[in-house]
Amino acid sequence: EYITVAWFRQVPGKQREGVACISYEGGHTEYATSVKGRF
């Protein structure tokens, strides 16, 4: 309930990259440019 959570993804041989996050109350989100509008 009081913890910010994020999703990341990783493919073999590449760095783990951020995909999306959400603030603990759900009022703020951020997205990677590559997924904005789709995720």
PDB file of all heavy atoms in Angstrom:
ATOM      1  N   GLU A   1       0.803  -1.222   0.000  1.00  0.00           N
ATOM      2  CA  GLU A   1       0.000   0.000   0.000  1.00  0.00           C
ATOM      3  C   GLU A   1       0.836   1.272   0.000  1.00  0.00           C
ATOM      4  O   GLU A   1       0.464   2.232  -0.639  1.00  0.00           O
ATOM      5  CB  GLU A   1      -0.940   0.000   1.199  1.00  0.00           C
ATOM      6  CG  GLU A   1      -1.920   1.162   1.196  1.00  0.00           C
ATOM      7  CD  GLU A   1      -2.963   1.022   2.279  1.00  0.00           C
ATOM      8  OE1 GLU A   1      -2.895   0.044   3.051  1.00  0.00           O
ATOM      9  OE2 GLU A   1      -3.841   1.881   2.367  1.00  0.00           O
ATOM     10  N   TYR A   2       1.956   1.318   0.679  1.00  0.00           N
ATOM     11  CA  TYR A   2       2.739   2.554   0.767  1.00  0.00           C
ATOM     12  C   TYR A   2       4.072   2.455   0.048  1.00  0.00           C
ATOM     13  O   TYR A   2       5.028   3.144   0.391  1.00  0.00           O
ATOM     14  CB  TYR A   2       2.949   2.919   2.235  1.00  0.00           C
ATOM     15  CG  TYR A   2       1.650   3.249   2.924  1.00  0.00           C
ATOM     16  CD1 TYR A   2       1.082   2.361   3.845  1.00  0.00           C
ATOM     17  CD2 TYR A   2       0.965   4.423   2.646  1.00  0.00           C
ATOM     18  CE1 TYR A   2      -0.121   2.656   4.453  1.00  0.00           C
ATOM     19  CE2 TYR A   2      -0.244   4.730   3.247  1.00  0.00           C
ATOM     20  CZ  TYR A   2      -0.780   3.833   4.158  1.00  0.00           C
ATOM     21  OH  TYR A   2      -1.980   4.113   4.763  1.00  0.00           O
ATOM     22  N   ILE A   3       4.106   1.609  -0.981  1.00  0.00           N
ATOM     23  CA  ILE A   3       5.361   1.369  -1.677  1.00  0.00           C
ATOM     24  C   ILE A   3       5.198   1.626  -3.172  1.00  0.00           C
ATOM     25  O   ILE A   3       4.264   1.140  -3.800  1.00  0.00           O
ATOM     26  CB  ILE A   3       5.836  -0.083  -1.473  1.00  0.00           C
ATOM     27  CG1 ILE A   3       5.914  -0.411   0.028  1.00  0.00           C
ATOM     28  CG2 ILE A   3       7.195  -0.297  -2.134  1.00  0.00           C
ATOM     29  CD1 ILE A   3       6.273  -1.851   0.329  1.00  0.00           C
ATOM     30  N   THR A   4       6.125   2.412  -3.721  1.00  0.00           N
ATOM     31  CA  THR A   4       6.180   2.621  -5.161  1.00  0.00           C
ATOM     32  C   THR A   4       6.690   1.355  -5.840  1.00  0.00           C
ATOM     33  O   THR A   4       7.629   0.721  -5.363  1.00  0.00           O
ATOM     34  CB  THR A   4       7.110   3.799  -5.471  1.00  0.00           C
ATOM     35  OG1 THR A   4       6.521   4.992  -4.960  1.00  0.00           O
ATOM     36  CG2 THR A   4       7.353   3.948  -6.962  1.00  0.00           C
ATOM     37  N   VAL A   5       6.080   1.003  -6.953  1.00  0.00           N
ATOM     38  CA  VAL A   5       6.411  -0.238  -7.657  1.00  0.00           C
ATOM     39  C   VAL A   5       6.691   0.069  -9.128  1.00  0.00           C
ATOM     40  O   VAL A   5       6.076   0.969  -9.706  1.00  0.00           O
ATOM     41  CB  VAL A   5       5.254  -1.251  -7.544  1.00  0.00           C
ATOM     42  CG1 VAL A   5       5.602  -2.547  -8.272  1.00  0.00           C
ATOM     43  CG2 VAL A   5       4.943  -1.547  -6.079  1.00  0.00           C
ATOM     44  N   ALA A   6       7.596  -0.681  -9.701  1.00  0.00           N
ATOM     45  CA  ALA A   6       7.923  -0.502 -11.117  1.00  0.00           C
ATOM     46  C   ALA A   6       8.044  -1.851 -11.817  1.00  0.00           C
ATOM     47  O   ALA A   6       8.294  -2.876 -11.183  1.00  0.00           O
ATOM     48  CB  ALA A   6       9.222   0.275 -11.275  1.00  0.00           C
ATOM     49  N   TRP A   7       7.867  -1.801 -13.116  1.00  0.00           N
ATOM     50  CA  TRP A   7       8.119  -2.950 -13.984  1.00  0.00           C
ATOM     51  C   TRP A   7       9.371  -2.671 -14.812  1.00  0.00           C
ATOM     52  O   TRP A   7       9.554  -1.563 -15.327  1.00  0.00           O
ATOM     53  CB  TRP A   7       6.941  -3.179 -14.928  1.00  0.00           C
ATOM     54  CG  TRP A   7       5.756  -3.831 -14.300  1.00  0.00           C
ATOM     55  CD1 TRP A   7       4.641  -3.212 -13.798  1.00  0.00           C
ATOM     56  CD2 TRP A   7       5.551  -5.228 -14.110  1.00  0.00           C
ATOM     57  NE1 TRP A   7       3.769  -4.144 -13.308  1.00  0.00           N
ATOM     58  CE2 TRP A   7       4.291  -5.391 -13.492  1.00  0.00           C
ATOM     59  CE3 TRP A   7       6.292  -6.375 -14.411  1.00  0.00           C
ATOM     60  CZ2 TRP A   7       3.763  -6.642 -13.161  1.00  0.00           C
ATOM     61  CZ3 TRP A   7       5.769  -7.615 -14.086  1.00  0.00           C
ATOM     62  CH2 TRP A   7       4.525  -7.745 -13.472  1.00  0.00           C
ATOM     63  N   PHE A   8      10.179  -3.706 -14.955  1.00  0.00           N
ATOM     64  CA  PHE A   8      11.375  -3.656 -15.789  1.00  0.00           C
ATOM     65  C   PHE A   8      11.334  -4.865 -16.725  1.00  0.00           C
ATOM     66  O   PHE A   8      10.558  -5.796 -16.520  1.00  0.00           O
ATOM     67  CB  PHE A   8      12.641  -3.716 -14.927  1.00  0.00           C
ATOM     68  CG  PHE A   8      12.856  -2.484 -14.108  1.00  0.00           C
ATOM     69  CD1 PHE A   8      12.141  -2.259 -12.933  1.00  0.00           C
ATOM     70  CD2 PHE A   8      13.791  -1.525 -14.489  1.00  0.00           C
ATOM     71  CE1 PHE A   8      12.329  -1.116 -12.177  1.00  0.00           C
ATOM     72  CE2 PHE A   8      13.993  -0.379 -13.732  1.00  0.00           C
ATOM     73  CZ  PHE A   8      13.259  -0.177 -12.578  1.00  0.00           C
ATOM     74  N   ARG A   9      12.186  -4.847 -17.727  1.00  0.00           N
ATOM     75  CA  ARG A   9      12.290  -6.015 -18.600  1.00  0.00           C
ATOM     76  C   ARG A   9      13.741  -6.199 -19.035  1.00  0.00           C
ATOM     77  O   ARG A   9      14.523  -5.252 -19.041  1.00  0.00           O
ATOM     78  CB  ARG A   9      11.378  -5.873 -19.821  1.00  0.00           C
ATOM     79  CG  ARG A   9      11.743  -4.749 -20.780  1.00  0.00           C
ATOM     80  CD  ARG A   9      10.664  -4.615 -21.851  1.00  0.00           C
ATOM     81  NE  ARG A   9      10.987  -3.558 -22.819  1.00  0.00           N
ATOM     82  CZ  ARG A   9      10.159  -3.169 -23.785  1.00  0.00           C
ATOM     83  NH1 ARG A   9       8.956  -3.738 -23.910  1.00  0.00           N
ATOM     84  NH2 ARG A   9      10.520  -2.224 -24.629  1.00  0.00           N
ATOM     85  N   GLN A  10      14.039  -7.434 -19.386  1.00  0.00           N
ATOM     86  CA  GLN A  10      15.413  -7.741 -19.774  1.00  0.00           C
ATOM     87  C   GLN A  10      15.426  -8.840 -20.829  1.00  0.00           C
ATOM     88  O   GLN A  10      14.698  -9.825 -20.723  1.00  0.00           O
ATOM     89  CB  GLN A  10      16.221  -8.191 -18.553  1.00  0.00           C
ATOM     90  CG  GLN A  10      17.704  -8.327 -18.803  1.00  0.00           C
ATOM     91  CD  GLN A  10      18.488  -8.524 -17.528  1.00  0.00           C
ATOM     92  OE1 GLN A  10      17.959  -8.945 -16.495  1.00  0.00           O
ATOM     93  NE2 GLN A  10      19.770  -8.194 -17.565  1.00  0.00           N
ATOM     94  N   VAL A  11      16.284  -8.635 -21.829  1.00  0.00           N
ATOM     95  CA  VAL A  11      16.550  -9.671 -22.818  1.00  0.00           C
ATOM     96  C   VAL A  11      17.988 -10.099 -22.648  1.00  0.00           C
ATOM     97  O   VAL A  11      18.832  -9.321 -22.157  1.00  0.00           O
ATOM     98  CB  VAL A  11      16.286  -9.180 -24.258  1.00  0.00           C
ATOM     99  CG1 VAL A  11      14.827  -8.832 -24.427  1.00  0.00           C
ATOM    100  CG2 VAL A  11      17.167  -7.992 -24.607  1.00  0.00           C
ATOM    101  N   PRO A  12      18.329 -11.323 -23.036  1.00  0.00           N
ATOM    102  CA  PRO A  12      19.700 -11.811 -22.857  1.00  0.00           C
ATOM    103  C   PRO A  12      20.716 -10.889 -23.517  1.00  0.00           C
ATOM    104  O   PRO A  12      20.527 -10.439 -24.643  1.00  0.00           O
ATOM    105  CB  PRO A  12      19.668 -13.185 -23.526  1.00  0.00           C
ATOM    106  CG  PRO A  12      18.246 -13.626 -23.414  1.00  0.00           C
ATOM    107  CD  PRO A  12      17.441 -12.373 -23.573  1.00  0.00           C
ATOM    108  N   GLY A  13      21.767 -10.593 -22.771  1.00  0.00           N
ATOM    109  CA  GLY A  13      22.841  -9.775 -23.311  1.00  0.00           C
ATOM    110  C   GLY A  13      22.614  -8.285 -23.216  1.00  0.00           C
ATOM    111  O   GLY A  13      23.466  -7.500 -23.640  1.00  0.00           O
ATOM    112  N   LYS A  14      21.469  -7.883 -22.660  1.00  0.00           N
ATOM    113  CA  LYS A  14      21.176  -6.454 -22.541  1.00  0.00           C
ATOM    114  C   LYS A  14      20.901  -6.098 -21.089  1.00  0.00           C
ATOM    115  O   LYS A  14      20.560  -6.944 -20.263  1.00  0.00           O
ATOM    116  CB  LYS A  14      19.988  -6.082 -23.419  1.00  0.00           C
ATOM    117  CG  LYS A  14      20.268  -6.144 -24.904  1.00  0.00           C
ATOM    118  CD  LYS A  14      19.143  -5.493 -25.682  1.00  0.00           C
ATOM    119  CE  LYS A  14      19.471  -5.419 -27.166  1.00  0.00           C
ATOM    120  NZ  LYS A  14      18.393  -4.751 -27.939  1.00  0.00           N
ATOM    121  N   GLN A  15      21.029  -4.803 -20.812  1.00  0.00           N
ATOM    122  CA  GLN A  15      20.739  -4.302 -19.480  1.00  0.00           C
ATOM    123  C   GLN A  15      19.241  -4.378 -19.189  1.00  0.00           C
ATOM    124  O   GLN A  15      18.416  -4.274 -20.098  1.00  0.00           O
ATOM    125  CB  GLN A  15      21.180  -2.833 -19.373  1.00  0.00           C
ATOM    126  CG  GLN A  15      22.663  -2.603 -19.492  1.00  0.00           C
ATOM    127  CD  GLN A  15      23.389  -2.840 -18.179  1.00  0.00           C
ATOM    128  OE1 GLN A  15      22.765  -2.990 -17.128  1.00  0.00           O
ATOM    129  NE2 GLN A  15      24.707  -2.882 -18.233  1.00  0.00           N
ATOM    130  N   ARG A  16      18.911  -4.552 -17.935  1.00  0.00           N
ATOM    131  CA  ARG A  16      17.511  -4.502 -17.531  1.00  0.00           C
ATOM    132  C   ARG A  16      17.034  -3.063 -17.679  1.00  0.00           C
ATOM    133  O   ARG A  16      17.677  -2.130 -17.186  1.00  0.00           O
ATOM    134  CB  ARG A  16      17.369  -4.976 -16.085  1.00  0.00           C
ATOM    135  CG  ARG A  16      15.957  -5.221 -15.646  1.00  0.00           C
ATOM    136  CD  ARG A  16      15.929  -5.960 -14.315  1.00  0.00           C
ATOM    137  NE  ARG A  16      16.537  -7.280 -14.421  1.00  0.00           N
ATOM    138  CZ  ARG A  16      16.500  -8.192 -13.437  1.00  0.00           C
ATOM    139  NH1 ARG A  16      15.887  -7.905 -12.295  1.00  0.00           N
ATOM    140  NH2 ARG A  16      17.085  -9.354 -13.599  1.00  0.00           N
ATOM    141  N   GLU A  17      15.908  -2.872 -18.354  1.00  0.00           N
ATOM    142  CA  GLU A  17      15.429  -1.519 -18.617  1.00  0.00           C
ATOM    143  C   GLU A  17      14.078  -1.274 -17.946  1.00  0.00           C
ATOM    144  O   GLU A  17      13.245  -2.183 -17.835  1.00  0.00           O
ATOM    145  CB  GLU A  17      15.305  -1.263 -20.123  1.00  0.00           C
ATOM    146  CG  GLU A  17      14.276  -2.104 -20.828  1.00  0.00           C
ATOM    147  CD  GLU A  17      14.032  -1.659 -22.272  1.00  0.00           C
ATOM    148  OE1 GLU A  17      14.513  -0.589 -22.677  1.00  0.00           O
ATOM    149  OE2 GLU A  17      13.326  -2.397 -22.979  1.00  0.00           O
ATOM    150  N   GLY A  18      13.898  -0.028 -17.530  1.00  0.00           N
ATOM    151  CA  GLY A  18      12.631   0.345 -16.919  1.00  0.00           C
ATOM    152  C   GLY A  18      11.517   0.438 -17.930  1.00  0.00           C
ATOM    153  O   GLY A  18      11.723   0.938 -19.040  1.00  0.00           O
ATOM    154  N   VAL A  19      10.349  -0.041 -17.559  1.00  0.00           N
ATOM    155  CA  VAL A  19       9.183  -0.028 -18.440  1.00  0.00           C
ATOM    156  C   VAL A  19       8.137   0.962 -17.934  1.00  0.00           C
ATOM    157  O   VAL A  19       7.659   1.809 -18.684  1.00  0.00           O
ATOM    158  CB  VAL A  19       8.573  -1.435 -18.556  1.00  0.00           C
ATOM    159  CG1 VAL A  19       7.288  -1.402 -19.362  1.00  0.00           C
ATOM    160  CG2 VAL A  19       9.568  -2.405 -19.163  1.00  0.00           C
ATOM    161  N   ALA A  20       7.773   0.835 -16.665  1.00  0.00           N
ATOM    162  CA  ALA A  20       6.730   1.698 -16.102  1.00  0.00           C
ATOM    163  C   ALA A  20       6.828   1.678 -14.585  1.00  0.00           C
ATOM    164  O   ALA A  20       7.318   0.716 -14.000  1.00  0.00           O
ATOM    165  CB  ALA A  20       5.348   1.231 -16.537  1.00  0.00           C
ATOM    166  N   CYS A  21       6.349   2.747 -13.969  1.00  0.00           N
ATOM    167  CA  CYS A  21       6.295   2.792 -12.512  1.00  0.00           C
ATOM    168  C   CYS A  21       4.995   3.453 -12.087  1.00  0.00           C
ATOM    169  O   CYS A  21       4.347   4.158 -12.878  1.00  0.00           O
ATOM    170  CB  CYS A  21       7.491   3.548 -11.932  1.00  0.00           C
ATOM    171  SG  CYS A  21       7.545   5.301 -12.363  1.00  0.00           S
ATOM    172  N   ILE A  22       4.637   3.229 -10.824  1.00  0.00           N
ATOM    173  CA  ILE A  22       3.428   3.837 -10.275  1.00  0.00           C
ATOM    174  C   ILE A  22       3.694   4.228  -8.832  1.00  0.00           C
ATOM    175  O   ILE A  22       4.255   3.443  -8.050  1.00  0.00           O
ATOM    176  CB  ILE A  22       2.223   2.883 -10.409  1.00  0.00           C
ATOM    177  CG1 ILE A  22       0.925   3.565  -9.973  1.00  0.00           C
ATOM    178  CG2 ILE A  22       2.444   1.576  -9.652  1.00  0.00           C
ATOM    179  CD1 ILE A  22      -0.326   2.829 -10.420  1.00  0.00           C
ATOM    180  N   SER A  23       3.325   5.440  -8.461  1.00  0.00           N
ATOM    181  CA  SER A  23       3.520   5.907  -7.098  1.00  0.00           C
ATOM    182  C   SER A  23       2.631   5.119  -6.136  1.00  0.00           C
ATOM    183  O   SER A  23       1.680   4.453  -6.559  1.00  0.00           O
ATOM    184  CB  SER A  23       3.217   7.402  -6.999  1.00  0.00           C
ATOM    185  OG  SER A  23       1.886   7.665  -7.424  1.00  0.00           O
ATOM    186  N   TYR A  24       2.919   5.214  -4.844  1.00  0.00           N
ATOM    187  CA  TYR A  24       2.250   4.303  -3.917  1.00  0.00           C
ATOM    188  C   TYR A  24       0.752   4.541  -3.813  1.00  0.00           C
ATOM    189  O   TYR A  24      -0.009   3.614  -3.529  1.00  0.00           O
ATOM    190  CB  TYR A  24       2.913   4.335  -2.535  1.00  0.00           C
ATOM    191  CG  TYR A  24       2.708   5.580  -1.713  1.00  0.00           C
ATOM    192  CD1 TYR A  24       1.497   5.839  -1.067  1.00  0.00           C
ATOM    193  CD2 TYR A  24       3.742   6.487  -1.522  1.00  0.00           C
ATOM    194  CE1 TYR A  24       1.326   6.953  -0.284  1.00  0.00           C
ATOM    195  CE2 TYR A  24       3.577   7.610  -0.734  1.00  0.00           C
ATOM    196  CZ  TYR A  24       2.361   7.841  -0.124  1.00  0.00           C
ATOM    197  OH  TYR A  24       2.200   8.963   0.654  1.00  0.00           O
ATOM    198  N   GLU A  25       0.315   5.789  -4.057  1.00  0.00           N
ATOM    199  CA  GLU A  25      -1.128   6.053  -3.971  1.00  0.00           C
ATOM    200  C   GLU A  25      -1.792   5.904  -5.340  1.00  0.00           C
ATOM    201  O   GLU A  25      -3.006   6.043  -5.467  1.00  0.00           O
ATOM    202  CB  GLU A  25      -1.374   7.459  -3.399  1.00  0.00           C
ATOM    203  CG  GLU A  25      -1.331   8.593  -4.403  1.00  0.00           C
ATOM    204  CD  GLU A  25       0.046   8.875  -4.972  1.00  0.00           C
ATOM    205  OE1 GLU A  25       1.040   8.257  -4.529  1.00  0.00           O
ATOM    206  OE2 GLU A  25       0.139   9.732  -5.864  1.00  0.00           O
ATOM    207  N   GLY A  26      -0.958   5.615  -6.363  1.00  0.00           N
ATOM    208  CA  GLY A  26      -1.496   5.397  -7.701  1.00  0.00           C
ATOM    209  C   GLY A  26      -1.717   6.652  -8.512  1.00  0.00           C
ATOM    210  O   GLY A  26      -2.200   6.589  -9.638  1.00  0.00           O
ATOM    211  N   GLY A  27      -1.344   7.806  -7.965  1.00  0.00           N
ATOM    212  CA  GLY A  27      -1.650   9.059  -8.641  1.00  0.00           C
ATOM    213  C   GLY A  27      -0.662   9.478  -9.705  1.00  0.00           C
ATOM    214  O   GLY A  27      -0.924  10.416 -10.472  1.00  0.00           O
ATOM    215  N   HIS A  28       0.485   8.828  -9.772  1.00  0.00           N
ATOM    216  CA  HIS A  28       1.513   9.218 -10.745  1.00  0.00           C
ATOM    217  C   HIS A  28       2.097   7.984 -11.399  1.00  0.00           C
ATOM    218  O   HIS A  28       2.397   7.003 -10.721  1.00  0.00           O
ATOM    219  CB  HIS A  28       2.627  10.002 -10.055  1.00  0.00           C
ATOM    220  CG  HIS A  28       3.666  10.498 -11.009  1.00  0.00           C
ATOM    221  ND1 HIS A  28       3.495  11.622 -11.779  1.00  0.00           N
ATOM    222  CD2 HIS A  28       4.872   9.988 -11.345  1.00  0.00           C
ATOM    223  CE1 HIS A  28       4.564  11.805 -12.528  1.00  0.00           C
ATOM    224  NE2 HIS A  28       5.412  10.824 -12.291  1.00  0.00           N
ATOM    225  N   THR A  29       2.257   8.054 -12.707  1.00  0.00           N
ATOM    226  CA  THR A  29       2.876   6.965 -13.456  1.00  0.00           C
ATOM    227  C   THR A  29       3.915   7.533 -14.417  1.00  0.00           C
ATOM    228  O   THR A  29       3.836   8.706 -14.817  1.00  0.00           O
ATOM    229  CB  THR A  29       1.833   6.170 -14.264  1.00  0.00           C
ATOM    230  OG1 THR A  29       1.129   7.068 -15.134  1.00  0.00           O
ATOM    231  CG2 THR A  29       0.835   5.466 -13.359  1.00  0.00           C
ATOM    232  N   GLU A  30       4.879   6.711 -14.761  1.00  0.00           N
ATOM    233  CA  GLU A  30       5.880   7.054 -15.765  1.00  0.00           C
ATOM    234  C   GLU A  30       6.053   5.846 -16.679  1.00  0.00           C
ATOM    235  O   GLU A  30       5.903   4.703 -16.227  1.00  0.00           O
ATOM    236  CB  GLU A  30       7.230   7.385 -15.108  1.00  0.00           C
ATOM    237  CG  GLU A  30       7.249   8.661 -14.293  1.00  0.00           C
ATOM    238  CD  GLU A  30       7.358   9.905 -15.152  1.00  0.00           C
ATOM    239  OE1 GLU A  30       7.711   9.789 -16.329  1.00  0.00           O
ATOM    240  OE2 GLU A  30       7.069  11.003 -14.615  1.00  0.00           O
ATOM    241  N   TYR A  31       6.383   6.133 -17.943  1.00  0.00           N
ATOM    242  CA  TYR A  31       6.562   5.042 -18.900  1.00  0.00           C
ATOM    243  C   TYR A  31       7.817   5.270 -19.734  1.00  0.00           C
ATOM    244  O   TYR A  31       8.174   6.414 -20.034  1.00  0.00           O
ATOM    245  CB  TYR A  31       5.358   4.962 -19.849  1.00  0.00           C
ATOM    246  CG  TYR A  31       4.066   4.612 -19.167  1.00  0.00           C
ATOM    247  CD1 TYR A  31       3.222   5.602 -18.690  1.00  0.00           C
ATOM    248  CD2 TYR A  31       3.698   3.285 -18.988  1.00  0.00           C
ATOM    249  CE1 TYR A  31       2.038   5.285 -18.055  1.00  0.00           C
ATOM    250  CE2 TYR A  31       2.512   2.951 -18.354  1.00  0.00           C
ATOM    251  CZ  TYR A  31       1.693   3.953 -17.890  1.00  0.00           C
ATOM    252  OH  TYR A  31       0.519   3.627 -17.256  1.00  0.00           O
ATOM    253  N   ALA A  32       8.423   4.179 -20.142  1.00  0.00           N
ATOM    254  CA  ALA A  32       9.487   4.274 -21.133  1.00  0.00           C
ATOM    255  C   ALA A  32       8.882   4.744 -22.448  1.00  0.00           C
ATOM    256  O   ALA A  32       7.727   4.417 -22.769  1.00  0.00           O
ATOM    257  CB  ALA A  32      10.151   2.909 -21.319  1.00  0.00           C
ATOM    258  N   THR A  33       9.649   5.498 -23.199  1.00  0.00           N
ATOM    259  CA  THR A  33       9.154   6.025 -24.468  1.00  0.00           C
ATOM    260  C   THR A  33       8.671   4.906 -25.389  1.00  0.00           C
ATOM    261  O   THR A  33       7.664   5.056 -26.086  1.00  0.00           O
ATOM    262  CB  THR A  33      10.272   6.819 -25.165  1.00  0.00           C
ATOM    263  OG1 THR A  33      10.692   7.875 -24.289  1.00  0.00           O
ATOM    264  CG2 THR A  33       9.787   7.408 -26.470  1.00  0.00           C
ATOM    265  N   SER A  34       9.358   3.792 -25.358  1.00  0.00           N
ATOM    266  CA  SER A  34       9.044   2.691 -26.263  1.00  0.00           C
ATOM    267  C   SER A  34       7.692   2.038 -25.995  1.00  0.00           C
ATOM    268  O   SER A  34       7.160   1.342 -26.866  1.00  0.00           O
ATOM    269  CB  SER A  34      10.143   1.626 -26.192  1.00  0.00           C
ATOM    270  OG  SER A  34      10.248   1.117 -24.879  1.00  0.00           O
ATOM    271  N   VAL A  35       7.125   2.245 -24.811  1.00  0.00           N
ATOM    272  CA  VAL A  35       5.848   1.599 -24.477  1.00  0.00           C
ATOM    273  C   VAL A  35       4.721   2.597 -24.235  1.00  0.00           C
ATOM    274  O   VAL A  35       3.564   2.192 -24.057  1.00  0.00           O
ATOM    275  CB  VAL A  35       5.985   0.681 -23.239  1.00  0.00           C
ATOM    276  CG1 VAL A  35       7.137  -0.300 -23.424  1.00  0.00           C
ATOM    277  CG2 VAL A  35       6.148   1.483 -21.960  1.00  0.00           C
ATOM    278  N   LYS A  36       5.050   3.868 -24.247  1.00  0.00           N
ATOM    279  CA  LYS A  36       4.034   4.893 -23.949  1.00  0.00           C
ATOM    280  C   LYS A  36       2.890   4.808 -24.957  1.00  0.00           C
ATOM    281  O   LYS A  36       3.108   4.716 -26.165  1.00  0.00           O
ATOM    282  CB  LYS A  36       4.698   6.264 -23.992  1.00  0.00           C
ATOM    283  CG  LYS A  36       3.963   7.340 -23.226  1.00  0.00           C
ATOM    284  CD  LYS A  36       4.794   8.602 -23.123  1.00  0.00           C
ATOM    285  CE  LYS A  36       6.006   8.425 -22.256  1.00  0.00           C
ATOM    286  NZ  LYS A  36       6.769   9.688 -22.042  1.00  0.00           N
ATOM    287  N   GLY A  37       1.678   4.833 -24.441  1.00  0.00           N
ATOM    288  CA  GLY A  37       0.509   4.733 -25.305  1.00  0.00           C
ATOM    289  C   GLY A  37       0.055   3.310 -25.568  1.00  0.00           C
ATOM    290  O   GLY A  37      -1.054   3.096 -26.060  1.00  0.00           O
ATOM    291  N   ARG A  38       0.892   2.333 -25.228  1.00  0.00           N
ATOM    292  CA  ARG A  38       0.539   0.930 -25.429  1.00  0.00           C
ATOM    293  C   ARG A  38       0.399   0.175 -24.109  1.00  0.00           C
ATOM    294  O   ARG A  38      -0.416  -0.739 -24.000  1.00  0.00           O
ATOM    295  CB  ARG A  38       1.600   0.231 -26.285  1.00  0.00           C
ATOM    296  CG  ARG A  38       1.781   0.826 -27.659  1.00  0.00           C
ATOM    297  CD  ARG A  38       2.721  -0.022 -28.510  1.00  0.00           C
ATOM    298  NE  ARG A  38       4.066  -0.110 -27.969  1.00  0.00           N
ATOM    299  CZ  ARG A  38       4.668  -1.245 -27.639  1.00  0.00           C
ATOM    300  NH1 ARG A  38       4.047  -2.406 -27.801  1.00  0.00           N
ATOM    301  NH2 ARG A  38       5.904  -1.240 -27.156  1.00  0.00           N
ATOM    302  N   PHE A  39       1.196   0.532 -23.118  1.00  0.00           N
ATOM    303  CA  PHE A  39       1.188  -0.141 -21.817  1.00  0.00           C
ATOM    304  C   PHE A  39       0.548   0.766 -20.777  1.00  0.00           C
ATOM    305  O   PHE A  39       0.686   1.991 -20.828  1.00  0.00           O
ATOM    306  CB  PHE A  39       2.605  -0.470 -21.369  1.00  0.00           C
ATOM    307  CG  PHE A  39       3.318  -1.543 -22.156  1.00  0.00           C
ATOM    308  CD1 PHE A  39       2.822  -2.020 -23.361  1.00  0.00           C
ATOM    309  CD2 PHE A  39       4.504  -2.078 -21.680  1.00  0.00           C
ATOM    310  CE1 PHE A  39       3.477  -3.004 -24.067  1.00  0.00           C
ATOM    311  CE2 PHE A  39       5.178  -3.061 -22.378  1.00  0.00           C
ATOM    312  CZ  PHE A  39       4.662  -3.516 -23.582  1.00  0.00           C
TER     313      PHE A  39
END
